[in-house]
Amino acid sequence: MNIGKMFAIAVMSSLLSAGSAFACACGCCVFDIGGGTIMPVASDSGFSVWFRYAYMNQDQLREGSSRANPSDNPDKQITTSFYIAGAEYRINHKWTVMAQLPLYQRSFTTTDDGTYAAPAGTINTRHLTDLGDMLLRATYTGLSPDMTTGLSFGVKLPTGRYTSPTGPLGGSAFDRDTLPGTGSTDLVAAGYHVGKVSGSLGWFAQAQYQFAIATRDDYRPGNELASALGLTYNFHANSHGMRISPTLHLIGSVRNHDSGGNADPDNTGYERLLIAPGVQLKASRKVSVYTDVEFPVAQHVRSAPVSSGVAGQLTAATLFKVQVNYGF
């Protein structure tokens, strides 16, 4: 496959994957797509575990495709550290099962309306550390003998916190779409393919679609589609078996706006395209590490009119993740 054809596929993928709550609702599925994800972790024994850390600092207000005046929205900043633990078991050559559970450590800076703490108009920061929603997934890798193509089907369970702690005056500390859990049960369908351009240069493509099938508390998160197209260069292993593989990939994501009485449909939903340089280190037969930094190159967010007093979404200038895999 030539580079021009791969670039065309990347553009198509980004256009097909436009819509996720981006400012208040963080659009965290971006950390489940790209290098180091979706494809089963190689393990001689069939059992692997991993730990992923990701960080996002949403401090830039956007309306549509442009930066906006911070005074257009009472929310000022959301910083989140994601701690995600996962395990995977390869049943046989064709089937792999996986489970992962995230922990959110989030700070939310906003302008008080007088219901959380006094006086009204004060900018304060609220903190929350709690579980997110668990993902269970089965992947079928029997489409090709070398396991380079796979399809997976999963379910996201409502294990995360979806009710807000209260402040000194009894008001909610967090908006419904800034909580670690959605309160919904979602289905997740995904697929991947790994190929070779030439020599040590390879490529991969991934796509994932997530949608809620059962909701609670009058809140439904928007459906989300995310896709990635990447290049990987595999340097030869050294005498100790260590191998370094730089990667470069594009991530396109789309999430529809949230709905329900506790949602903010006017300020949720977006399209974005990110570029993510990264590197994978295979330290031994059992241990590998992957990390990347993701930069938005194009994004459009759904926004209420400025006259509403609550317009736009908070976005992040960079997103970071690192994942350590261990195969038994």
C-alpha atoms as a PDB file:
ATOM      1  CA  MET A   1       0.000   0.000   0.000  1.00  0.00           C
ATOM      2  CA  ASN A   2       1.513   3.388  -0.967  1.00  0.00           C
ATOM      3  CA  ILE A   3       1.663   6.421   1.312  1.00  0.00           C
ATOM      4  CA  GLY A   4      -0.858   8.380  -0.788  1.00  0.00           C
ATOM      5  CA  LYS A   5      -3.474   5.666  -0.372  1.00  0.00           C
ATOM      6  CA  MET A   6      -2.812   5.509   3.366  1.00  0.00           C
ATOM      7  CA  PHE A   7      -3.222   9.275   3.671  1.00  0.00           C
ATOM      8  CA  ALA A   8      -6.545   9.085   1.847  1.00  0.00           C
ATOM      9  CA  ILE A   9      -7.720   6.431   4.290  1.00  0.00           C
ATOM     10  CA  ALA A  10      -6.660   8.675   7.194  1.00  0.00           C
ATOM     11  CA  VAL A  11      -8.703  11.583   5.874  1.00  0.00           C
ATOM     12  CA  MET A  12     -11.741   9.362   5.375  1.00  0.00           C
ATOM     13  CA  SER A  13     -11.339   7.954   8.881  1.00  0.00           C
ATOM     14  CA  SER A  14     -11.196  11.386  10.461  1.00  0.00           C
ATOM     15  CA  LEU A  15     -14.302  12.531   8.624  1.00  0.00           C
ATOM     16  CA  LEU A  16     -16.209   9.413   9.588  1.00  0.00           C
ATOM     17  CA  SER A  17     -15.224   9.805  13.234  1.00  0.00           C
ATOM     18  CA  ALA A  18     -16.505  13.314  14.078  1.00  0.00           C
ATOM     19  CA  GLY A  19     -18.633  13.731  17.623  1.00  0.00           C
ATOM     20  CA  SER A  20     -17.795  13.412  21.445  1.00  0.00           C
ATOM     21  CA  ALA A  21     -18.515  15.670  24.401  1.00  0.00           C
ATOM     22  CA  PHE A  22     -15.226  17.506  24.514  1.00  0.00           C
ATOM     23  CA  ALA A  23     -15.239  20.276  27.075  1.00  0.00           C
ATOM     24  CA  CYS A  24     -17.378  19.447  29.981  1.00  0.00           C
ATOM     25  CA  ALA A  25     -17.766  15.831  28.932  1.00  0.00           C
ATOM     26  CA  CYS A  26     -14.163  14.932  28.269  1.00  0.00           C
ATOM     27  CA  GLY A  27     -14.331  12.534  25.321  1.00  0.00           C
ATOM     28  CA  CYS A  28     -12.024  10.134  27.123  1.00  0.00           C
ATOM     29  CA  CYS A  29     -12.373   7.374  24.520  1.00  0.00           C
ATOM     30  CA  VAL A  30      -9.442   9.003  22.727  1.00  0.00           C
ATOM     31  CA  PHE A  31      -7.191   7.126  25.160  1.00  0.00           C
ATOM     32  CA  ASP A  32      -8.638   3.780  24.006  1.00  0.00           C
ATOM     33  CA  ILE A  33      -7.641   4.252  20.373  1.00  0.00           C
ATOM     34  CA  GLY A  34      -4.278   4.445  18.627  1.00  0.00           C
ATOM     35  CA  GLY A  35      -1.004   2.648  19.303  1.00  0.00           C
ATOM     36  CA  GLY A  36      -0.881   0.280  22.257  1.00  0.00           C
ATOM     37  CA  THR A  37      -4.674  -0.238  22.319  1.00  0.00           C
ATOM     38  CA  ILE A  38      -7.417  -2.461  20.809  1.00  0.00           C
ATOM     39  CA  MET A  39      -4.930  -4.963  19.350  1.00  0.00           C
ATOM     40  CA  PRO A  40      -4.281  -7.853  21.784  1.00  0.00           C
ATOM     41  CA  VAL A  41      -1.078  -7.657  23.816  1.00  0.00           C
ATOM     42  CA  ALA A  42       1.378 -10.339  22.714  1.00  0.00           C
ATOM     43  CA  SER A  43       2.082 -12.913  25.401  1.00  0.00           C
ATOM     44  CA  ASP A  44       3.653 -16.357  25.190  1.00  0.00           C
ATOM     45  CA  SER A  45       1.518 -17.651  28.050  1.00  0.00           C
ATOM     46  CA  GLY A  46      -1.697 -16.037  26.853  1.00  0.00           C
ATOM     47  CA  PHE A  47      -2.184 -13.881  29.967  1.00  0.00           C
ATOM     48  CA  SER A  48      -1.154 -10.210  30.140  1.00  0.00           C
ATOM     49  CA  VAL A  49      -1.754  -7.239  32.389  1.00  0.00           C
ATOM     50  CA  TRP A  50      -1.176  -3.564  31.792  1.00  0.00           C
ATOM     51  CA  PHE A  51      -1.348  -0.176  33.436  1.00  0.00           C
ATOM     52  CA  ARG A  52      -2.090   3.008  31.514  1.00  0.00           C
ATOM     53  CA  TYR A  53      -1.695   6.582  32.744  1.00  0.00           C
ATOM     54  CA  ALA A  54      -3.215   9.442  30.755  1.00  0.00           C
ATOM     55  CA  TYR A  55      -3.460  13.164  31.422  1.00  0.00           C
ATOM     56  CA  MET A  56      -5.613  15.920  29.971  1.00  0.00           C
ATOM     57  CA  ASN A  57      -5.729  19.627  30.874  1.00  0.00           C
ATOM     58  CA  GLN A  58      -8.818  21.292  29.393  1.00  0.00           C
ATOM     59  CA  ASP A  59      -8.131  25.006  29.814  1.00  0.00           C
ATOM     60  CA  GLN A  60      -8.960  26.472  26.394  1.00  0.00           C
ATOM     61  CA  LEU A  61     -12.543  27.548  25.679  1.00  0.00           C
ATOM     62  CA  ARG A  62     -13.713  26.939  22.103  1.00  0.00           C
ATOM     63  CA  GLU A  63     -16.901  27.825  20.268  1.00  0.00           C
ATOM     64  CA  GLY A  64     -17.294  26.068  16.947  1.00  0.00           C
ATOM     65  CA  SER A  65     -13.854  25.956  15.324  1.00  0.00           C
ATOM     66  CA  SER A  66     -12.365  28.980  17.123  1.00  0.00           C
ATOM     67  CA  ARG A  67     -10.870  29.916  20.456  1.00  0.00           C
ATOM     68  CA  ALA A  68     -13.351  31.885  22.562  1.00  0.00           C
ATOM     69  CA  ASN A  69     -13.348  34.472  25.327  1.00  0.00           C
ATOM     70  CA  PRO A  70     -13.137  32.656  28.696  1.00  0.00           C
ATOM     71  CA  SER A  71     -15.876  34.934  30.021  1.00  0.00           C
ATOM     72  CA  ASP A  72     -18.390  33.233  27.690  1.00  0.00           C
ATOM     73  CA  ASN A  73     -18.576  30.209  30.014  1.00  0.00           C
ATOM     74  CA  PRO A  74     -18.458  29.973  33.821  1.00  0.00           C
ATOM     75  CA  ASP A  75     -16.311  26.809  33.582  1.00  0.00           C
ATOM     76  CA  LYS A  76     -12.600  27.648  33.461  1.00  0.00           C
ATOM     77  CA  GLN A  77     -10.536  24.450  33.631  1.00  0.00           C
ATOM     78  CA  ILE A  78     -10.773  20.675  33.994  1.00  0.00           C
ATOM     79  CA  THR A  79      -7.624  18.658  34.705  1.00  0.00           C
ATOM     80  CA  THR A  80      -7.790  14.875  34.802  1.00  0.00           C
ATOM     81  CA  SER A  81      -5.354  12.083  35.534  1.00  0.00           C
ATOM     82  CA  PHE A  82      -6.601   8.681  34.376  1.00  0.00           C
ATOM     83  CA  TYR A  83      -5.218   5.526  36.012  1.00  0.00           C
ATOM     84  CA  ILE A  84      -6.376   2.499  34.017  1.00  0.00           C
ATOM     85  CA  ALA A  85      -5.645  -1.102  34.984  1.00  0.00           C
ATOM     86  CA  GLY A  86      -6.350  -3.925  32.564  1.00  0.00           C
ATOM     87  CA  ALA A  87      -5.944  -7.666  32.074  1.00  0.00           C
ATOM     88  CA  GLU A  88      -6.163  -9.843  28.979  1.00  0.00           C
ATOM     89  CA  TYR A  89      -6.340 -13.580  28.407  1.00  0.00           C
ATOM     90  CA  ARG A  90      -5.788 -15.284  25.074  1.00  0.00           C
ATOM     91  CA  ILE A  91      -8.123 -18.281  25.112  1.00  0.00           C
ATOM     92  CA  ASN A  92      -6.782 -19.661  21.841  1.00  0.00           C
ATOM     93  CA  HIS A  93      -5.535 -18.489  18.451  1.00  0.00           C
ATOM     94  CA  LYS A  94      -8.918 -16.983  17.597  1.00  0.00           C
ATOM     95  CA  TRP A  95     -10.271 -15.476  20.821  1.00  0.00           C
ATOM     96  CA  THR A  96      -8.984 -13.024  23.427  1.00  0.00           C
ATOM     97  CA  VAL A  97     -10.921 -11.545  26.348  1.00  0.00           C
ATOM     98  CA  MET A  98     -10.069  -8.300  28.146  1.00  0.00           C
ATOM     99  CA  ALA A  99     -11.206  -6.225  31.136  1.00  0.00           C
ATOM    100  CA  GLN A 100     -10.134  -2.734  32.174  1.00  0.00           C
ATOM    101  CA  LEU A 101     -11.154  -0.375  34.971  1.00  0.00           C
ATOM    102  CA  PRO A 102     -10.206   3.339  35.206  1.00  0.00           C
ATOM    103  CA  LEU A 103      -9.751   5.590  38.214  1.00  0.00           C
ATOM    104  CA  TYR A 104     -10.272   9.327  37.661  1.00  0.00           C
ATOM    105  CA  GLN A 105      -8.489  12.063  39.583  1.00  0.00           C
ATOM    106  CA  ARG A 106     -10.218  15.257  38.468  1.00  0.00           C
ATOM    107  CA  SER A 107     -10.147  18.954  39.368  1.00  0.00           C
ATOM    108  CA  PHE A 108     -12.914  21.221  38.112  1.00  0.00           C
ATOM    109  CA  THR A 109     -12.518  25.014  38.242  1.00  0.00           C
ATOM    110  CA  THR A 110     -15.711  26.987  37.702  1.00  0.00           C
ATOM    111  CA  THR A 111     -17.560  30.152  38.703  1.00  0.00           C
ATOM    112  CA  ASP A 112     -19.848  29.489  41.650  1.00  0.00           C
ATOM    113  CA  ASP A 113     -23.538  30.295  41.233  1.00  0.00           C
ATOM    114  CA  GLY A 114     -24.145  30.570  44.965  1.00  0.00           C
ATOM    115  CA  THR A 115     -25.496  27.049  45.427  1.00  0.00           C
ATOM    116  CA  TYR A 116     -22.149  25.319  46.048  1.00  0.00           C
ATOM    117  CA  ALA A 117     -20.356  27.888  48.219  1.00  0.00           C
ATOM    118  CA  ALA A 118     -20.673  31.576  48.969  1.00  0.00           C
ATOM    119  CA  PRO A 119     -20.433  34.141  47.599  1.00  0.00           C
ATOM    120  CA  ALA A 120     -21.865  33.762  44.095  1.00  0.00           C
ATOM    121  CA  GLY A 121     -19.410  34.712  41.347  1.00  0.00           C
ATOM    122  CA  THR A 122     -16.412  33.259  43.167  1.00  0.00           C
ATOM    123  CA  ILE A 123     -14.130  31.052  41.064  1.00  0.00           C
ATOM    124  CA  ASN A 124     -13.247  27.905  42.972  1.00  0.00           C
ATOM    125  CA  THR A 125     -11.871  24.435  42.279  1.00  0.00           C
ATOM    126  CA  ARG A 126     -13.529  21.162  43.255  1.00  0.00           C
ATOM    127  CA  HIS A 127     -11.678  17.837  43.430  1.00  0.00           C
ATOM    128  CA  LEU A 128     -12.865  14.270  42.933  1.00  0.00           C
ATOM    129  CA  THR A 129     -11.100  10.892  42.836  1.00  0.00           C
ATOM    130  CA  ASP A 130     -13.331   7.945  41.992  1.00  0.00           C
ATOM    131  CA  LEU A 131     -13.815   4.941  39.746  1.00  0.00           C
ATOM    132  CA  GLY A 132     -14.852   5.210  36.124  1.00  0.00           C
ATOM    133  CA  ASP A 133     -16.780   2.699  34.014  1.00  0.00           C
ATOM    134  CA  MET A 134     -15.447  -0.827  33.492  1.00  0.00           C
ATOM    135  CA  LEU A 135     -14.994  -2.176  29.960  1.00  0.00           C
ATOM    136  CA  LEU A 136     -15.269  -5.887  29.124  1.00  0.00           C
ATOM    137  CA  ARG A 137     -14.333  -6.969  25.606  1.00  0.00           C
ATOM    138  CA  ALA A 138     -13.887 -10.111  23.501  1.00  0.00           C
ATOM    139  CA  THR A 139     -11.705  -9.940  20.371  1.00  0.00           C
ATOM    140  CA  TYR A 140     -11.836 -12.377  17.473  1.00  0.00           C
ATOM    141  CA  THR A 141      -8.414 -12.675  15.830  1.00  0.00           C
ATOM    142  CA  GLY A 142      -9.150 -15.626  13.567  1.00  0.00           C
ATOM    143  CA  LEU A 143      -9.754 -13.607  10.412  1.00  0.00           C
ATOM    144  CA  SER A 144      -6.128 -14.154   9.375  1.00  0.00           C
ATOM    145  CA  PRO A 145      -3.581 -16.817  10.400  1.00  0.00           C
ATOM    146  CA  ASP A 146      -1.078 -14.216  11.661  1.00  0.00           C
ATOM    147  CA  MET A 147      -3.706 -12.379  13.783  1.00  0.00           C
ATOM    148  CA  THR A 148      -3.140  -9.120  11.876  1.00  0.00           C
ATOM    149  CA  THR A 149      -6.872  -8.476  11.580  1.00  0.00           C
ATOM    150  CA  GLY A 150      -9.419  -8.581  14.382  1.00  0.00           C
ATOM    151  CA  LEU A 151     -12.923  -7.616  15.426  1.00  0.00           C
ATOM    152  CA  SER A 152     -14.041  -7.018  18.972  1.00  0.00           C
ATOM    153  CA  PHE A 153     -17.301  -6.560  20.816  1.00  0.00           C
ATOM    154  CA  GLY A 154     -17.650  -5.272  24.334  1.00  0.00           C
ATOM    155  CA  VAL A 155     -19.817  -3.719  26.979  1.00  0.00           C
ATOM    156  CA  LYS A 156     -19.108  -0.704  29.195  1.00  0.00           C
ATOM    157  CA  LEU A 157     -20.673  -1.201  32.616  1.00  0.00           C
ATOM    158  CA  PRO A 158     -21.951   1.651  34.848  1.00  0.00           C
ATOM    159  CA  THR A 159     -19.410   1.073  37.607  1.00  0.00           C
ATOM    160  CA  GLY A 160     -18.233   4.694  37.722  1.00  0.00           C
ATOM    161  CA  ARG A 161     -19.562   7.458  39.929  1.00  0.00           C
ATOM    162  CA  TYR A 162     -22.349   9.367  38.175  1.00  0.00           C
ATOM    163  CA  THR A 163     -23.705  11.352  41.170  1.00  0.00           C
ATOM    164  CA  SER A 164     -21.966  14.514  42.293  1.00  0.00           C
ATOM    165  CA  PRO A 165     -20.606  15.238  45.750  1.00  0.00           C
ATOM    166  CA  THR A 166     -22.202  18.307  47.330  1.00  0.00           C
ATOM    167  CA  GLY A 167     -20.653  21.551  48.498  1.00  0.00           C
ATOM    168  CA  PRO A 168     -20.951  23.478  51.793  1.00  0.00           C
ATOM    169  CA  LEU A 169     -24.322  24.910  50.736  1.00  0.00           C
ATOM    170  CA  GLY A 170     -25.660  21.613  49.409  1.00  0.00           C
ATOM    171  CA  GLY A 171     -25.226  22.294  45.681  1.00  0.00           C
ATOM    172  CA  SER A 172     -23.547  19.893  43.251  1.00  0.00           C
ATOM    173  CA  ALA A 173     -19.779  20.150  42.980  1.00  0.00           C
ATOM    174  CA  PHE A 174     -19.658  18.688  39.448  1.00  0.00           C
ATOM    175  CA  ASP A 175     -21.860  18.906  36.388  1.00  0.00           C
ATOM    176  CA  ARG A 176     -23.408  15.653  35.214  1.00  0.00           C
ATOM    177  CA  ASP A 177     -21.038  15.405  32.247  1.00  0.00           C
ATOM    178  CA  THR A 178     -17.865  15.987  34.270  1.00  0.00           C
ATOM    179  CA  LEU A 179     -18.315  12.932  36.511  1.00  0.00           C
ATOM    180  CA  PRO A 180     -16.178   9.772  36.072  1.00  0.00           C
ATOM    181  CA  GLY A 181     -19.157   7.563  35.220  1.00  0.00           C
ATOM    182  CA  THR A 182     -21.959   8.076  32.719  1.00  0.00           C
ATOM    183  CA  GLY A 183     -24.473   5.880  34.549  1.00  0.00           C
ATOM    184  CA  SER A 184     -25.144   4.121  31.248  1.00  0.00           C
ATOM    185  CA  THR A 185     -24.522   0.647  29.878  1.00  0.00           C
ATOM    186  CA  ASP A 186     -22.864   0.942  26.471  1.00  0.00           C
ATOM    187  CA  LEU A 187     -22.038  -1.440  23.659  1.00  0.00           C
ATOM    188  CA  VAL A 188     -18.618  -1.096  22.031  1.00  0.00           C
ATOM    189  CA  ALA A 189     -17.667  -2.492  18.613  1.00  0.00           C
ATOM    190  CA  ALA A 190     -14.117  -2.210  17.273  1.00  0.00           C
ATOM    191  CA  GLY A 191     -11.760  -3.545  14.654  1.00  0.00           C
ATOM    192  CA  TYR A 192      -8.105  -3.355  13.652  1.00  0.00           C
ATOM    193  CA  HIS A 193      -5.716  -4.333  10.897  1.00  0.00           C
ATOM    194  CA  VAL A 194      -1.920  -4.365  10.884  1.00  0.00           C
ATOM    195  CA  GLY A 195       0.044  -4.318   7.631  1.00  0.00           C
ATOM    196  CA  LYS A 196       3.522  -3.737   6.229  1.00  0.00           C
ATOM    197  CA  VAL A 197       4.564  -0.947   3.872  1.00  0.00           C
ATOM    198  CA  SER A 198       8.075  -2.237   3.238  1.00  0.00           C
ATOM    199  CA  GLY A 199      10.972  -3.597   5.236  1.00  0.00           C
ATOM    200  CA  SER A 200      10.743  -2.386   8.838  1.00  0.00           C
ATOM    201  CA  LEU A 201       7.966   0.124   8.119  1.00  0.00           C
ATOM    202  CA  GLY A 202       4.487  -1.032   9.069  1.00  0.00           C
ATOM    203  CA  TRP A 203       1.044   0.493   9.357  1.00  0.00           C
ATOM    204  CA  PHE A 204      -2.105  -0.090  11.363  1.00  0.00           C
ATOM    205  CA  ALA A 205      -5.732   1.013  11.269  1.00  0.00           C
ATOM    206  CA  GLN A 206      -8.267   0.939  14.097  1.00  0.00           C
ATOM    207  CA  ALA A 207     -11.870   2.003  14.588  1.00  0.00           C
ATOM    208  CA  GLN A 208     -14.231   1.915  17.565  1.00  0.00           C
ATOM    209  CA  TYR A 209     -17.912   2.803  17.959  1.00  0.00           C
ATOM    210  CA  GLN A 210     -19.620   3.191  21.331  1.00  0.00           C
ATOM    211  CA  PHE A 211     -23.307   3.811  22.089  1.00  0.00           C
ATOM    212  CA  ALA A 212     -25.515   3.640  25.165  1.00  0.00           C
ATOM    213  CA  ILE A 213     -28.280   1.028  25.329  1.00  0.00           C
ATOM    214  CA  ALA A 214     -29.465   1.653  28.922  1.00  0.00           C
ATOM    215  CA  THR A 215     -29.326   4.937  30.818  1.00  0.00           C
ATOM    216  CA  ARG A 216     -30.286   6.372  34.189  1.00  0.00           C
ATOM    217  CA  ASP A 217     -30.761   9.703  35.963  1.00  0.00           C
ATOM    218  CA  ASP A 218     -32.181  11.282  32.791  1.00  0.00           C
ATOM    219  CA  TYR A 219     -28.790  11.461  31.090  1.00  0.00           C
ATOM    220  CA  ARG A 220     -27.606   9.798  27.892  1.00  0.00           C
ATOM    221  CA  PRO A 221     -24.037  10.274  26.643  1.00  0.00           C
ATOM    222  CA  GLY A 222     -23.655  10.899  22.938  1.00  0.00           C
ATOM    223  CA  ASN A 223     -22.653   8.070  20.614  1.00  0.00           C
ATOM    224  CA  GLU A 224     -18.943   8.142  19.819  1.00  0.00           C
ATOM    225  CA  LEU A 225     -16.883   6.967  16.861  1.00  0.00           C
ATOM    226  CA  ALA A 226     -13.092   7.061  16.975  1.00  0.00           C
ATOM    227  CA  SER A 227     -10.560   5.851  14.426  1.00  0.00           C
ATOM    228  CA  ALA A 228      -6.807   5.824  14.044  1.00  0.00           C
ATOM    229  CA  LEU A 229      -4.341   5.297  11.208  1.00  0.00           C
ATOM    230  CA  GLY A 230      -0.671   4.988  12.003  1.00  0.00           C
ATOM    231  CA  LEU A 231       2.843   4.180  10.849  1.00  0.00           C
ATOM    232  CA  THR A 232       5.361   2.187  12.882  1.00  0.00           C
ATOM    233  CA  TYR A 233       9.065   1.710  12.214  1.00  0.00           C
ATOM    234  CA  ASN A 234      10.631  -1.333  13.876  1.00  0.00           C
ATOM    235  CA  PHE A 235      14.342  -0.992  14.566  1.00  0.00           C
ATOM    236  CA  HIS A 236      16.266  -4.235  14.893  1.00  0.00           C
ATOM    237  CA  ALA A 237      16.514  -5.613  18.403  1.00  0.00           C
ATOM    238  CA  ASN A 238      19.832  -5.182  20.210  1.00  0.00           C
ATOM    239  CA  SER A 239      21.878  -7.976  21.757  1.00  0.00           C
ATOM    240  CA  HIS A 240      19.661  -7.927  24.863  1.00  0.00           C
ATOM    241  CA  GLY A 241      16.470  -8.313  22.855  1.00  0.00           C
ATOM    242  CA  MET A 242      15.326  -4.723  23.312  1.00  0.00           C
ATOM    243  CA  ARG A 243      13.527  -3.095  20.385  1.00  0.00           C
ATOM    244  CA  ILE A 244      12.436   0.533  19.860  1.00  0.00           C
ATOM    245  CA  SER A 245       9.605   1.359  17.451  1.00  0.00           C
ATOM    246  CA  PRO A 246       8.718   5.018  16.768  1.00  0.00           C
ATOM    247  CA  THR A 247       5.103   5.595  15.738  1.00  0.00           C
ATOM    248  CA  LEU A 248       3.110   8.373  14.139  1.00  0.00           C
ATOM    249  CA  HIS A 249      -0.637   8.243  13.801  1.00  0.00           C
ATOM    250  CA  LEU A 250      -3.744  10.293  13.165  1.00  0.00           C
ATOM    251  CA  ILE A 251      -6.773   9.988  15.440  1.00  0.00           C
ATOM    252  CA  GLY A 252     -10.194  11.170  14.330  1.00  0.00           C
ATOM    253  CA  SER A 253     -13.128  11.210  16.727  1.00  0.00           C
ATOM    254  CA  VAL A 254     -16.754  12.228  16.610  1.00  0.00           C
ATOM    255  CA  ARG A 255     -19.321  12.263  19.382  1.00  0.00           C
ATOM    256  CA  ASN A 256     -22.943  13.276  19.172  1.00  0.00           C
ATOM    257  CA  HIS A 257     -24.311  15.676  21.783  1.00  0.00           C
ATOM    258  CA  ASP A 258     -25.581  14.338  25.096  1.00  0.00           C
ATOM    259  CA  SER A 259     -29.319  14.182  25.692  1.00  0.00           C
ATOM    260  CA  GLY A 260     -31.756  14.091  28.607  1.00  0.00           C
ATOM    261  CA  GLY A 261     -32.918  16.467  31.319  1.00  0.00           C
ATOM    262  CA  ASN A 262     -29.535  16.385  33.103  1.00  0.00           C
ATOM    263  CA  ALA A 263     -27.496  16.834  29.909  1.00  0.00           C
ATOM    264  CA  ASP A 264     -26.194  19.959  28.204  1.00  0.00           C
ATOM    265  CA  PRO A 265     -26.950  19.175  24.536  1.00  0.00           C
ATOM    266  CA  ASP A 266     -26.055  22.682  23.349  1.00  0.00           C
ATOM    267  CA  ASN A 267     -22.465  22.422  24.624  1.00  0.00           C
ATOM    268  CA  THR A 268     -21.618  18.756  24.031  1.00  0.00           C
ATOM    269  CA  GLY A 269     -20.611  17.028  20.821  1.00  0.00           C
ATOM    270  CA  TYR A 270     -17.582  17.635  18.625  1.00  0.00           C
ATOM    271  CA  GLU A 271     -15.372  16.592  15.726  1.00  0.00           C
ATOM    272  CA  ARG A 272     -11.611  16.556  15.979  1.00  0.00           C
ATOM    273  CA  LEU A 273      -8.457  15.282  14.325  1.00  0.00           C
ATOM    274  CA  LEU A 274      -5.274  14.750  16.320  1.00  0.00           C
ATOM    275  CA  ILE A 275      -1.728  13.849  15.353  1.00  0.00           C
ATOM    276  CA  ALA A 276       0.161  11.661  17.804  1.00  0.00           C
ATOM    277  CA  PRO A 277       3.906  10.960  17.678  1.00  0.00           C
ATOM    278  CA  GLY A 278       4.899   8.152  20.006  1.00  0.00           C
ATOM    279  CA  VAL A 279       7.288   5.321  20.697  1.00  0.00           C
ATOM    280  CA  GLN A 280       7.039   1.712  21.770  1.00  0.00           C
ATOM    281  CA  LEU A 281       9.845  -0.013  23.678  1.00  0.00           C
ATOM    282  CA  LYS A 282       9.917  -3.796  23.861  1.00  0.00           C
ATOM    283  CA  ALA A 283      12.183  -4.228  26.848  1.00  0.00           C
ATOM    284  CA  SER A 284      12.007  -8.024  26.924  1.00  0.00           C
ATOM    285  CA  ARG A 285       9.783 -10.918  25.896  1.00  0.00           C
ATOM    286  CA  LYS A 286       7.488 -10.027  28.795  1.00  0.00           C
ATOM    287  CA  VAL A 287       7.652  -6.247  29.152  1.00  0.00           C
ATOM    288  CA  SER A 288       6.799  -3.458  26.716  1.00  0.00           C
ATOM    289  CA  VAL A 289       6.077   0.252  27.117  1.00  0.00           C
ATOM    290  CA  TYR A 290       4.133   2.568  24.827  1.00  0.00           C
ATOM    291  CA  THR A 291       3.763   6.348  25.094  1.00  0.00           C
ATOM    292  CA  ASP A 292       2.526   9.175  22.888  1.00  0.00           C
ATOM    293  CA  VAL A 293       1.548  12.841  22.942  1.00  0.00           C
ATOM    294  CA  GLU A 294      -1.561  13.889  21.003  1.00  0.00           C
ATOM    295  CA  PHE A 295      -2.007  17.338  19.458  1.00  0.00           C
ATOM    296  CA  PRO A 296      -5.273  18.589  17.914  1.00  0.00           C
ATOM    297  CA  VAL A 297      -4.780  19.745  14.335  1.00  0.00           C
ATOM    298  CA  ALA A 298      -8.465  20.380  13.584  1.00  0.00           C
ATOM    299  CA  GLN A 299     -11.482  20.516  15.869  1.00  0.00           C
ATOM    300  CA  HIS A 300     -15.033  21.782  15.924  1.00  0.00           C
ATOM    301  CA  VAL A 301     -17.188  21.811  19.059  1.00  0.00           C
ATOM    302  CA  ARG A 302     -20.908  22.273  19.478  1.00  0.00           C
ATOM    303  CA  SER A 303     -21.671  25.535  21.307  1.00  0.00           C
ATOM    304  CA  ALA A 304     -24.673  27.411  22.626  1.00  0.00           C
ATOM    305  CA  PRO A 305     -25.019  31.108  21.649  1.00  0.00           C
ATOM    306  CA  VAL A 306     -22.832  33.530  23.602  1.00  0.00           C
ATOM    307  CA  SER A 307     -26.013  35.310  24.710  1.00  0.00           C
ATOM    308  CA  SER A 308     -26.929  32.230  26.778  1.00  0.00           C
ATOM    309  CA  GLY A 309     -24.115  33.011  29.215  1.00  0.00           C
ATOM    310  CA  VAL A 310     -22.937  29.390  29.028  1.00  0.00           C
ATOM    311  CA  ALA A 311     -21.291  28.896  25.636  1.00  0.00           C
ATOM    312  CA  GLY A 312     -18.545  26.669  24.308  1.00  0.00           C
ATOM    313  CA  GLN A 313     -16.479  23.783  25.546  1.00  0.00           C
ATOM    314  CA  LEU A 314     -13.144  23.515  27.328  1.00  0.00           C
ATOM    315  CA  THR A 315     -10.501  21.793  25.203  1.00  0.00           C
ATOM    316  CA  ALA A 316      -6.957  20.550  25.762  1.00  0.00           C
ATOM    317  CA  ALA A 317      -3.889  21.699  23.823  1.00  0.00           C
ATOM    318  CA  THR A 318      -2.177  18.322  24.330  1.00  0.00           C
ATOM    319  CA  LEU A 319      -3.112  14.870  25.583  1.00  0.00           C
ATOM    320  CA  PHE A 320      -0.617  12.390  27.002  1.00  0.00           C
ATOM    321  CA  LYS A 321      -0.622   8.662  27.715  1.00  0.00           C
ATOM    322  CA  VAL A 322       1.829   5.938  28.668  1.00  0.00           C
ATOM    323  CA  GLN A 323       1.092   2.221  28.970  1.00  0.00           C
ATOM    324  CA  VAL A 324       3.177  -0.582  30.464  1.00  0.00           C
ATOM    325  CA  ASN A 325       2.376  -4.173  29.413  1.00  0.00           C
ATOM    326  CA  TYR A 326       3.517  -7.336  31.158  1.00  0.00           C
ATOM    327  CA  GLY A 327       2.952 -10.782  29.692  1.00  0.00           C
ATOM    328  CA  PHE A 328       3.233 -13.829  31.946  1.00  0.00           C
END
